[in-house]
Amino acid sequence: MMRDHKSDFRKSCIKRLEFQSRFLKFYKDKKTVKKIKSFINIYKPKNILLYIPMGMEVDVLPLINDLRKTKTNVFVPFMVEDSFKLVRYRLPLHKKKFGIKEPNNSFCKSSKIDLAIVPVVGVDKECKRIGFGKGMYDRFFDRLNYKPIIIFTQLTLCKSDKKLSNQYDIQADYIITS
C-alpha cells in the first residue's frame, strides 16, 4: 500500500514541478543557487557532488561553472548499472539513458565528497528523498563508507505529511528551495 502512496505522491510532485518550471524558473533557479552558495561558503567543501539538471530541476550549471574556477573539485553522476559513480564535470556532455546528460567516463581516483547537492522530486515526512523511482542515489550513498553533508534541491517544495520512504532512502541534512 505504501508503494502506491509513494508512486502517487511522485506523480503529483512531477506534475507540479512541470507546471511550476514554466513560470519564474529563471528567478527560482538563481534564488536557489544563491542559497546553495551560502552553504558552500559555510562548509568550504574540497570535493562536491552536483548534477547535470533536467528541465524541472534547479539549474546548477552556473554554480558548476563558478566552482570550476576555484580549487573545488566538481563531480557529477555517471550511470553504471543500477547506480552511478563519480566523474569530474567536463565538457562535452552526452545525453544518456532517461534523457540524463553526462560527461565522458573518467577513470580518476575516487575522491571522498564533502558535500552532495541532490535533486529531488519530493520529500516525505522524514525529509527522505522521493526521486524518479530508479533508486540510483539511494544505492550510491548506501555503498559509501562515510556520510557527506547532503543537501536536497527543488524549485518548489513538494513535501508529504506521511512517511513514504523505505529504510534505504537517503535523508537530507538540508533542503533548499526557492
N, C-alpha and C. Protein backbone atom coordinates (compact mmCIF):
# COMPACT_ATOMS: atom_id res chain seq x y z
N MET A 1 0.83 -1.21 0.00
CA MET A 1 0.00 0.00 0.00
C MET A 1 0.86 1.25 0.00
N MET A 2 1.96 1.24 0.82
CA MET A 2 2.84 2.42 0.88
C MET A 2 3.43 2.71 -0.50
N ARG A 3 3.70 1.65 -1.28
CA ARG A 3 4.27 1.80 -2.62
C ARG A 3 3.34 2.65 -3.49
N ASP A 4 2.01 2.41 -3.39
CA ASP A 4 1.05 3.17 -4.17
C ASP A 4 1.05 4.63 -3.75
N HIS A 5 1.12 4.88 -2.45
CA HIS A 5 1.15 6.27 -1.96
C HIS A 5 2.40 6.98 -2.47
N LYS A 6 3.52 6.29 -2.43
CA LYS A 6 4.79 6.89 -2.88
C LYS A 6 4.73 7.19 -4.37
N SER A 7 4.23 6.26 -5.14
CA SER A 7 4.11 6.44 -6.60
C SER A 7 3.14 7.57 -6.93
N ASP A 8 2.01 7.62 -6.25
CA ASP A 8 1.04 8.70 -6.47
C ASP A 8 1.63 10.05 -6.09
N PHE A 9 2.33 10.09 -4.95
CA PHE A 9 2.96 11.33 -4.49
C PHE A 9 4.01 11.78 -5.51
N ARG A 10 4.82 10.85 -6.01
CA ARG A 10 5.84 11.16 -7.01
C ARG A 10 5.20 11.79 -8.25
N LYS A 11 4.13 11.17 -8.74
CA LYS A 11 3.43 11.67 -9.93
C LYS A 11 2.89 13.07 -9.71
N SER A 12 2.29 13.32 -8.55
CA SER A 12 1.72 14.65 -8.29
C SER A 12 2.83 15.70 -8.17
N CYS A 13 3.96 15.32 -7.58
CA CYS A 13 5.09 16.26 -7.48
C CYS A 13 5.66 16.59 -8.86
N ILE A 14 5.80 15.57 -9.70
CA ILE A 14 6.34 15.80 -11.05
C ILE A 14 5.41 16.73 -11.82
N LYS A 15 4.11 16.49 -11.73
CA LYS A 15 3.13 17.36 -12.40
C LYS A 15 3.27 18.80 -11.92
N ARG A 16 3.38 18.95 -10.61
CA ARG A 16 3.51 20.28 -10.01
C ARG A 16 4.80 20.96 -10.46
N LEU A 17 5.90 20.19 -10.48
CA LEU A 17 7.18 20.76 -10.90
C LEU A 17 7.18 21.12 -12.38
N GLU A 18 6.56 20.30 -13.21
CA GLU A 18 6.49 20.61 -14.64
C GLU A 18 5.70 21.89 -14.85
N PHE A 19 4.61 22.05 -14.12
CA PHE A 19 3.82 23.27 -14.24
C PHE A 19 4.61 24.46 -13.71
N GLN A 20 5.22 24.31 -12.54
CA GLN A 20 5.99 25.38 -11.92
C GLN A 20 7.16 25.80 -12.79
N SER A 21 7.79 24.81 -13.44
CA SER A 21 9.01 25.13 -14.16
C SER A 21 8.76 26.05 -15.35
N ARG A 22 7.53 26.18 -15.78
CA ARG A 22 7.21 27.11 -16.88
C ARG A 22 7.16 28.56 -16.39
N PHE A 23 6.93 28.76 -15.13
CA PHE A 23 6.74 30.09 -14.59
C PHE A 23 7.85 30.45 -13.61
N LEU A 24 8.51 31.52 -13.84
CA LEU A 24 9.53 32.06 -12.93
C LEU A 24 10.71 31.12 -12.69
N LYS A 25 10.95 30.19 -13.60
CA LYS A 25 12.03 29.21 -13.38
C LYS A 25 13.38 29.90 -13.26
N PHE A 26 13.67 30.83 -14.13
CA PHE A 26 14.96 31.51 -14.09
C PHE A 26 15.19 32.18 -12.74
N TYR A 27 14.18 32.87 -12.24
CA TYR A 27 14.26 33.54 -10.94
C TYR A 27 14.46 32.53 -9.81
N LYS A 28 13.66 31.45 -9.83
CA LYS A 28 13.75 30.43 -8.79
C LYS A 28 15.11 29.73 -8.82
N ASP A 29 15.64 29.46 -10.02
CA ASP A 29 16.97 28.85 -10.14
C ASP A 29 18.02 29.74 -9.48
N LYS A 30 18.00 31.03 -9.84
CA LYS A 30 19.01 31.96 -9.30
C LYS A 30 18.91 32.06 -7.78
N LYS A 31 17.69 32.14 -7.27
CA LYS A 31 17.47 32.26 -5.83
C LYS A 31 17.96 31.00 -5.09
N THR A 32 17.66 29.83 -5.64
CA THR A 32 18.06 28.57 -5.01
C THR A 32 19.57 28.40 -5.07
N VAL A 33 20.19 28.71 -6.21
CA VAL A 33 21.65 28.59 -6.35
C VAL A 33 22.35 29.54 -5.38
N LYS A 34 21.79 30.71 -5.18
CA LYS A 34 22.37 31.65 -4.22
C LYS A 34 22.38 31.04 -2.80
N LYS A 35 21.30 30.36 -2.44
CA LYS A 35 21.23 29.70 -1.13
C LYS A 35 22.25 28.56 -1.05
N ILE A 36 22.41 27.80 -2.13
CA ILE A 36 23.40 26.72 -2.16
C ILE A 36 24.80 27.29 -1.96
N LYS A 37 25.07 28.42 -2.62
CA LYS A 37 26.39 29.07 -2.49
C LYS A 37 26.68 29.45 -1.04
N SER A 38 25.66 29.87 -0.32
CA SER A 38 25.89 30.24 1.08
C SER A 38 26.30 29.02 1.91
N PHE A 39 25.72 27.86 1.61
CA PHE A 39 26.14 26.62 2.30
C PHE A 39 27.56 26.24 1.91
N ILE A 40 27.90 26.44 0.65
CA ILE A 40 29.26 26.14 0.19
C ILE A 40 30.25 27.06 0.90
N ASN A 41 29.88 28.31 1.09
CA ASN A 41 30.76 29.25 1.81
C ASN A 41 30.93 28.87 3.27
N ILE A 42 29.91 28.30 3.86
CA ILE A 42 29.99 27.87 5.26
C ILE A 42 30.85 26.62 5.40
N TYR A 43 30.58 25.59 4.57
CA TYR A 43 31.25 24.30 4.72
C TYR A 43 32.59 24.20 3.98
N LYS A 44 32.80 25.06 3.00
CA LYS A 44 34.04 25.08 2.22
C LYS A 44 34.49 23.68 1.78
N PRO A 45 33.63 22.97 1.03
CA PRO A 45 33.99 21.61 0.60
C PRO A 45 35.12 21.62 -0.43
N LYS A 46 35.97 20.64 -0.33
CA LYS A 46 37.05 20.47 -1.32
C LYS A 46 36.51 19.69 -2.52
N ASN A 47 35.66 18.70 -2.24
CA ASN A 47 35.06 17.86 -3.27
C ASN A 47 33.54 17.91 -3.13
N ILE A 48 32.87 18.26 -4.22
CA ILE A 48 31.42 18.42 -4.16
C ILE A 48 30.76 17.62 -5.28
N LEU A 49 29.65 16.96 -4.94
CA LEU A 49 28.84 16.25 -5.92
C LEU A 49 27.69 17.17 -6.30
N LEU A 50 27.57 17.44 -7.60
CA LEU A 50 26.43 18.17 -8.14
C LEU A 50 25.76 17.27 -9.17
N TYR A 51 24.92 17.81 -10.01
CA TYR A 51 24.21 17.02 -11.01
C TYR A 51 24.03 17.86 -12.25
N ILE A 52 23.83 17.20 -13.37
CA ILE A 52 23.50 17.89 -14.62
C ILE A 52 21.98 17.99 -14.63
N PRO A 53 21.42 19.20 -14.56
CA PRO A 53 19.97 19.34 -14.37
C PRO A 53 19.13 18.94 -15.58
N MET A 54 17.97 18.38 -15.26
CA MET A 54 16.94 18.15 -16.26
C MET A 54 15.96 19.33 -16.12
N GLY A 55 15.04 19.46 -17.05
CA GLY A 55 14.17 20.62 -17.14
C GLY A 55 13.48 21.08 -15.87
N MET A 56 12.98 20.15 -15.06
CA MET A 56 12.22 20.55 -13.86
C MET A 56 13.10 20.68 -12.62
N GLU A 57 14.41 20.41 -12.77
CA GLU A 57 15.32 20.50 -11.63
C GLU A 57 15.99 21.88 -11.58
N VAL A 58 16.47 22.23 -10.41
CA VAL A 58 17.18 23.50 -10.24
C VAL A 58 18.40 23.49 -11.16
N ASP A 59 18.55 24.56 -11.95
CA ASP A 59 19.67 24.66 -12.88
C ASP A 59 20.93 25.08 -12.11
N VAL A 60 21.77 24.09 -11.83
CA VAL A 60 23.01 24.34 -11.08
C VAL A 60 24.21 24.52 -12.00
N LEU A 61 24.01 24.57 -13.32
CA LEU A 61 25.14 24.72 -14.24
C LEU A 61 25.93 26.01 -14.01
N PRO A 62 25.28 27.16 -13.74
CA PRO A 62 26.09 28.36 -13.43
C PRO A 62 26.95 28.16 -12.18
N LEU A 63 26.43 27.44 -11.20
CA LEU A 63 27.19 27.15 -9.98
C LEU A 63 28.38 26.25 -10.31
N ILE A 64 28.15 25.23 -11.13
CA ILE A 64 29.24 24.34 -11.54
C ILE A 64 30.34 25.15 -12.23
N ASN A 65 29.94 26.02 -13.13
CA ASN A 65 30.93 26.84 -13.84
C ASN A 65 31.71 27.75 -12.89
N ASP A 66 31.03 28.33 -11.90
CA ASP A 66 31.71 29.16 -10.91
C ASP A 66 32.69 28.33 -10.07
N LEU A 67 32.25 27.16 -9.64
CA LEU A 67 33.09 26.32 -8.79
C LEU A 67 34.33 25.81 -9.53
N ARG A 68 34.21 25.59 -10.82
CA ARG A 68 35.35 25.10 -11.59
C ARG A 68 36.48 26.14 -11.66
N LYS A 69 36.16 27.39 -11.38
CA LYS A 69 37.18 28.45 -11.37
C LYS A 69 37.90 28.53 -10.03
N THR A 70 37.44 27.73 -9.06
CA THR A 70 38.04 27.72 -7.73
C THR A 70 38.83 26.42 -7.55
N LYS A 71 39.27 26.18 -6.34
CA LYS A 71 40.00 24.94 -6.05
C LYS A 71 39.08 23.79 -5.66
N THR A 72 37.77 23.99 -5.83
CA THR A 72 36.80 22.95 -5.51
C THR A 72 36.73 21.95 -6.66
N ASN A 73 36.79 20.67 -6.34
CA ASN A 73 36.64 19.61 -7.34
C ASN A 73 35.15 19.32 -7.50
N VAL A 74 34.66 19.43 -8.74
CA VAL A 74 33.24 19.22 -9.02
C VAL A 74 33.05 17.86 -9.68
N PHE A 75 32.22 17.03 -9.03
CA PHE A 75 31.91 15.71 -9.56
C PHE A 75 30.42 15.64 -9.88
N VAL A 76 30.08 14.84 -10.86
CA VAL A 76 28.69 14.59 -11.23
C VAL A 76 28.49 13.09 -11.38
N PRO A 77 27.24 12.63 -11.34
CA PRO A 77 26.99 11.19 -11.51
C PRO A 77 27.26 10.71 -12.93
N PHE A 78 27.80 9.51 -13.03
CA PHE A 78 27.95 8.81 -14.30
C PHE A 78 27.31 7.44 -14.08
N MET A 79 26.20 7.18 -14.77
CA MET A 79 25.43 5.96 -14.53
C MET A 79 26.23 4.70 -14.85
N VAL A 80 26.22 3.79 -13.89
CA VAL A 80 26.83 2.48 -14.04
C VAL A 80 25.87 1.46 -13.44
N GLU A 81 25.35 0.59 -14.27
CA GLU A 81 24.40 -0.44 -13.86
C GLU A 81 23.23 0.15 -13.08
N ASP A 82 23.06 -0.23 -11.79
CA ASP A 82 21.90 0.21 -11.02
C ASP A 82 22.17 1.45 -10.17
N SER A 83 23.34 2.06 -10.34
CA SER A 83 23.71 3.23 -9.55
C SER A 83 24.54 4.17 -10.42
N PHE A 84 25.49 4.85 -9.80
CA PHE A 84 26.40 5.69 -10.56
C PHE A 84 27.73 5.78 -9.84
N LYS A 85 28.71 6.29 -10.54
CA LYS A 85 30.00 6.59 -9.93
C LYS A 85 30.26 8.06 -10.14
N LEU A 86 31.22 8.59 -9.40
CA LEU A 86 31.57 10.00 -9.54
C LEU A 86 32.56 10.17 -10.68
N VAL A 87 32.29 11.18 -11.51
CA VAL A 87 33.26 11.59 -12.53
C VAL A 87 33.39 13.10 -12.44
N ARG A 88 34.54 13.60 -12.84
CA ARG A 88 34.73 15.05 -12.86
C ARG A 88 33.84 15.65 -13.93
N TYR A 89 33.27 16.80 -13.61
CA TYR A 89 32.46 17.51 -14.59
C TYR A 89 33.39 18.08 -15.65
N ARG A 90 33.08 17.80 -16.89
CA ARG A 90 33.81 18.40 -18.01
C ARG A 90 32.97 18.23 -19.27
N LEU A 91 33.25 19.08 -20.23
CA LEU A 91 32.53 19.04 -21.50
C LEU A 91 33.27 18.13 -22.46
N PRO A 92 32.63 17.58 -23.46
CA PRO A 92 31.22 17.72 -23.81
C PRO A 92 30.33 16.81 -22.95
N LEU A 93 29.05 17.16 -22.94
CA LEU A 93 28.05 16.34 -22.26
C LEU A 93 27.30 15.54 -23.32
N HIS A 94 26.92 14.32 -22.96
CA HIS A 94 26.20 13.44 -23.89
C HIS A 94 24.90 13.00 -23.24
N LYS A 95 23.81 13.01 -24.02
CA LYS A 95 22.52 12.56 -23.50
C LYS A 95 22.54 11.03 -23.43
N LYS A 96 22.20 10.51 -22.24
CA LYS A 96 22.24 9.07 -22.00
C LYS A 96 20.85 8.56 -21.62
N LYS A 97 20.83 7.42 -20.95
CA LYS A 97 19.59 6.78 -20.52
C LYS A 97 18.74 7.75 -19.69
N PHE A 98 17.44 7.67 -19.84
CA PHE A 98 16.45 8.51 -19.14
C PHE A 98 16.57 9.99 -19.52
N GLY A 99 17.30 10.31 -20.61
CA GLY A 99 17.47 11.70 -21.03
C GLY A 99 18.44 12.49 -20.18
N ILE A 100 19.23 11.79 -19.36
CA ILE A 100 20.18 12.45 -18.47
C ILE A 100 21.47 12.73 -19.23
N LYS A 101 22.01 13.92 -19.06
CA LYS A 101 23.29 14.28 -19.69
C LYS A 101 24.43 13.92 -18.76
N GLU A 102 25.52 13.44 -19.37
CA GLU A 102 26.71 13.07 -18.60
C GLU A 102 27.96 13.47 -19.37
N PRO A 103 29.05 13.73 -18.64
CA PRO A 103 30.34 13.91 -19.33
C PRO A 103 30.85 12.52 -19.73
N ASN A 104 31.98 12.49 -20.41
CA ASN A 104 32.60 11.20 -20.72
C ASN A 104 33.01 10.51 -19.44
N ASN A 105 33.09 9.20 -19.50
CA ASN A 105 33.56 8.41 -18.37
C ASN A 105 35.01 8.78 -18.09
N SER A 106 35.34 8.89 -16.84
CA SER A 106 36.73 9.16 -16.49
C SER A 106 37.17 8.12 -15.47
N PHE A 107 38.42 7.88 -15.45
CA PHE A 107 38.96 6.85 -14.58
C PHE A 107 39.81 7.46 -13.49
N CYS A 108 39.38 8.62 -13.02
CA CYS A 108 40.14 9.28 -11.96
C CYS A 108 39.95 8.54 -10.65
N LYS A 109 40.94 8.69 -9.80
CA LYS A 109 40.88 8.06 -8.49
C LYS A 109 39.66 8.61 -7.74
N SER A 110 38.92 7.73 -7.13
CA SER A 110 37.72 8.15 -6.41
C SER A 110 38.08 9.09 -5.27
N SER A 111 37.41 10.20 -5.21
CA SER A 111 37.62 11.16 -4.14
C SER A 111 36.48 11.10 -3.15
N LYS A 112 36.78 11.43 -1.93
CA LYS A 112 35.77 11.48 -0.89
C LYS A 112 35.04 12.82 -1.02
N ILE A 113 33.73 12.77 -1.26
CA ILE A 113 32.98 14.02 -1.40
C ILE A 113 32.62 14.55 -0.01
N ASP A 114 32.72 15.86 0.13
CA ASP A 114 32.41 16.51 1.40
C ASP A 114 30.95 16.96 1.45
N LEU A 115 30.44 17.34 0.28
CA LEU A 115 29.11 17.92 0.19
C LEU A 115 28.44 17.38 -1.07
N ALA A 116 27.18 16.96 -0.95
CA ALA A 116 26.42 16.45 -2.09
C ALA A 116 25.15 17.29 -2.26
N ILE A 117 24.98 17.82 -3.45
CA ILE A 117 23.77 18.56 -3.81
C ILE A 117 22.95 17.60 -4.67
N VAL A 118 21.76 17.23 -4.18
CA VAL A 118 20.97 16.17 -4.80
C VAL A 118 19.59 16.70 -5.18
N PRO A 119 19.19 16.53 -6.45
CA PRO A 119 17.84 16.97 -6.84
C PRO A 119 16.78 16.00 -6.32
N VAL A 120 15.62 16.53 -5.99
CA VAL A 120 14.53 15.68 -5.52
C VAL A 120 13.26 16.00 -6.29
N VAL A 121 12.38 15.01 -6.38
CA VAL A 121 11.03 15.22 -6.89
C VAL A 121 10.16 15.68 -5.73
N GLY A 122 10.41 15.10 -4.56
CA GLY A 122 9.68 15.45 -3.36
C GLY A 122 10.38 14.87 -2.14
N VAL A 123 9.86 15.18 -0.97
CA VAL A 123 10.38 14.61 0.27
C VAL A 123 9.18 14.16 1.11
N ASP A 124 9.43 13.16 1.94
CA ASP A 124 8.35 12.69 2.80
C ASP A 124 8.45 13.34 4.16
N LYS A 125 7.63 12.89 5.08
CA LYS A 125 7.55 13.44 6.44
C LYS A 125 8.91 13.44 7.14
N GLU A 126 9.76 12.45 6.85
CA GLU A 126 11.07 12.32 7.50
C GLU A 126 12.20 13.00 6.72
N CYS A 127 11.84 13.83 5.73
CA CYS A 127 12.81 14.52 4.87
C CYS A 127 13.68 13.54 4.09
N LYS A 128 13.08 12.40 3.74
CA LYS A 128 13.78 11.44 2.91
C LYS A 128 13.38 11.68 1.46
N ARG A 129 14.32 11.40 0.57
CA ARG A 129 14.19 11.72 -0.84
C ARG A 129 13.18 10.84 -1.56
N ILE A 130 12.33 11.51 -2.33
CA ILE A 130 11.49 10.84 -3.31
C ILE A 130 12.06 11.31 -4.65
N GLY A 131 12.63 10.39 -5.40
CA GLY A 131 13.23 10.72 -6.69
C GLY A 131 12.36 10.22 -7.81
N PHE A 132 13.00 9.88 -8.93
CA PHE A 132 12.25 9.41 -10.09
C PHE A 132 11.92 7.92 -10.02
N GLY A 133 12.36 7.24 -8.96
CA GLY A 133 11.96 5.86 -8.75
C GLY A 133 12.96 4.82 -9.19
N LYS A 134 14.14 5.23 -9.61
CA LYS A 134 15.15 4.25 -10.06
C LYS A 134 16.09 3.85 -8.92
N GLY A 135 16.18 4.65 -7.86
CA GLY A 135 16.98 4.30 -6.69
C GLY A 135 18.48 4.48 -6.83
N MET A 136 18.91 5.19 -7.87
CA MET A 136 20.35 5.32 -8.12
C MET A 136 21.07 6.08 -7.01
N TYR A 137 20.50 7.19 -6.57
CA TYR A 137 21.14 7.96 -5.48
C TYR A 137 21.15 7.14 -4.19
N ASP A 138 20.05 6.44 -3.91
CA ASP A 138 19.98 5.62 -2.69
C ASP A 138 21.08 4.56 -2.69
N ARG A 139 21.24 3.87 -3.81
CA ARG A 139 22.29 2.84 -3.90
C ARG A 139 23.68 3.45 -3.79
N PHE A 140 23.89 4.60 -4.45
CA PHE A 140 25.20 5.25 -4.39
C PHE A 140 25.58 5.58 -2.95
N PHE A 141 24.69 6.27 -2.24
CA PHE A 141 25.01 6.68 -0.87
C PHE A 141 25.09 5.48 0.08
N ASP A 142 24.30 4.45 -0.17
CA ASP A 142 24.35 3.25 0.66
C ASP A 142 25.71 2.56 0.54
N ARG A 143 26.34 2.65 -0.62
CA ARG A 143 27.63 1.97 -0.84
C ARG A 143 28.83 2.78 -0.36
N LEU A 144 28.61 4.03 0.04
CA LEU A 144 29.71 4.83 0.58
C LEU A 144 30.01 4.36 2.00
N ASN A 145 31.26 4.44 2.40
CA ASN A 145 31.60 4.05 3.78
C ASN A 145 31.75 5.28 4.67
N TYR A 146 31.17 6.38 4.25
CA TYR A 146 31.15 7.63 5.02
C TYR A 146 29.90 8.39 4.62
N LYS A 147 29.56 9.44 5.36
CA LYS A 147 28.36 10.22 5.03
C LYS A 147 28.74 11.68 4.80
N PRO A 148 28.65 12.13 3.56
CA PRO A 148 28.88 13.56 3.30
C PRO A 148 27.65 14.36 3.77
N ILE A 149 27.78 15.66 3.80
CA ILE A 149 26.63 16.53 4.05
C ILE A 149 25.77 16.46 2.79
N ILE A 150 24.48 16.20 2.97
CA ILE A 150 23.57 16.05 1.83
C ILE A 150 22.55 17.18 1.85
N ILE A 151 22.49 17.90 0.73
CA ILE A 151 21.52 18.98 0.56
C ILE A 151 20.62 18.63 -0.62
N PHE A 152 19.32 18.57 -0.37
CA PHE A 152 18.35 18.36 -1.44
C PHE A 152 17.98 19.72 -2.04
N THR A 153 17.75 19.73 -3.36
CA THR A 153 17.29 20.95 -4.02
C THR A 153 16.00 20.65 -4.79
N GLN A 154 15.16 21.67 -4.82
CA GLN A 154 13.90 21.57 -5.55
C GLN A 154 13.42 22.98 -5.83
N LEU A 155 12.84 23.21 -7.01
CA LEU A 155 12.34 24.54 -7.35
C LEU A 155 11.26 24.99 -6.38
N THR A 156 10.33 24.10 -6.10
CA THR A 156 9.23 24.38 -5.18
C THR A 156 9.08 23.17 -4.27
N LEU A 157 9.02 23.42 -2.98
CA LEU A 157 8.95 22.31 -2.03
C LEU A 157 7.69 21.48 -2.26
N CYS A 158 7.90 20.19 -2.40
CA CYS A 158 6.80 19.24 -2.52
C CYS A 158 7.04 18.22 -1.41
N LYS A 159 6.33 18.40 -0.30
CA LYS A 159 6.57 17.57 0.89
C LYS A 159 5.29 16.88 1.32
N SER A 160 5.41 15.59 1.60
CA SER A 160 4.28 14.81 2.09
C SER A 160 4.25 14.88 3.61
N ASP A 161 3.06 14.83 4.17
CA ASP A 161 2.95 14.79 5.62
C ASP A 161 2.90 13.34 6.12
N LYS A 162 3.16 12.40 5.18
CA LYS A 162 3.18 10.97 5.52
C LYS A 162 4.59 10.41 5.32
N LYS A 163 4.87 9.31 5.98
CA LYS A 163 6.12 8.58 5.77
C LYS A 163 5.93 7.72 4.52
N LEU A 164 6.69 8.01 3.48
CA LEU A 164 6.58 7.28 2.22
C LEU A 164 7.86 6.53 1.88
N SER A 165 8.90 6.82 2.61
CA SER A 165 10.22 6.29 2.28
C SER A 165 10.45 4.89 2.82
N ASN A 166 11.49 4.29 2.28
CA ASN A 166 11.95 2.99 2.77
C ASN A 166 13.19 3.23 3.62
N GLN A 167 13.63 2.21 4.31
CA GLN A 167 14.81 2.30 5.18
C GLN A 167 16.03 2.82 4.41
N TYR A 168 16.19 2.39 3.16
CA TYR A 168 17.38 2.72 2.37
C TYR A 168 17.32 4.09 1.69
N ASP A 169 16.17 4.76 1.70
CA ASP A 169 16.07 6.07 1.07
C ASP A 169 16.94 7.08 1.80
N ILE A 170 17.62 7.93 1.04
CA ILE A 170 18.54 8.88 1.67
C ILE A 170 17.78 10.04 2.30
N GLN A 171 18.39 10.59 3.33
CA GLN A 171 17.79 11.69 4.09
C GLN A 171 18.67 12.93 3.97
N ALA A 172 18.04 14.07 3.88
CA ALA A 172 18.77 15.33 3.74
C ALA A 172 19.23 15.86 5.08
N ASP A 173 20.38 16.52 5.05
CA ASP A 173 20.78 17.35 6.18
C ASP A 173 20.09 18.71 6.06
N TYR A 174 19.90 19.13 4.80
CA TYR A 174 19.24 20.41 4.50
C TYR A 174 18.43 20.25 3.22
N ILE A 175 17.36 21.05 3.12
CA ILE A 175 16.56 21.12 1.89
C ILE A 175 16.54 22.58 1.47
N ILE A 176 16.90 22.83 0.21
CA ILE A 176 16.90 24.20 -0.30
C ILE A 176 15.93 24.30 -1.47
N THR A 177 15.00 25.23 -1.36
CA THR A 177 14.06 25.53 -2.44
C THR A 177 14.05 27.05 -2.62
N SER A 178 13.33 27.48 -3.62
CA SER A 178 13.21 28.93 -3.81
C SER A 178 12.13 29.42 -2.89
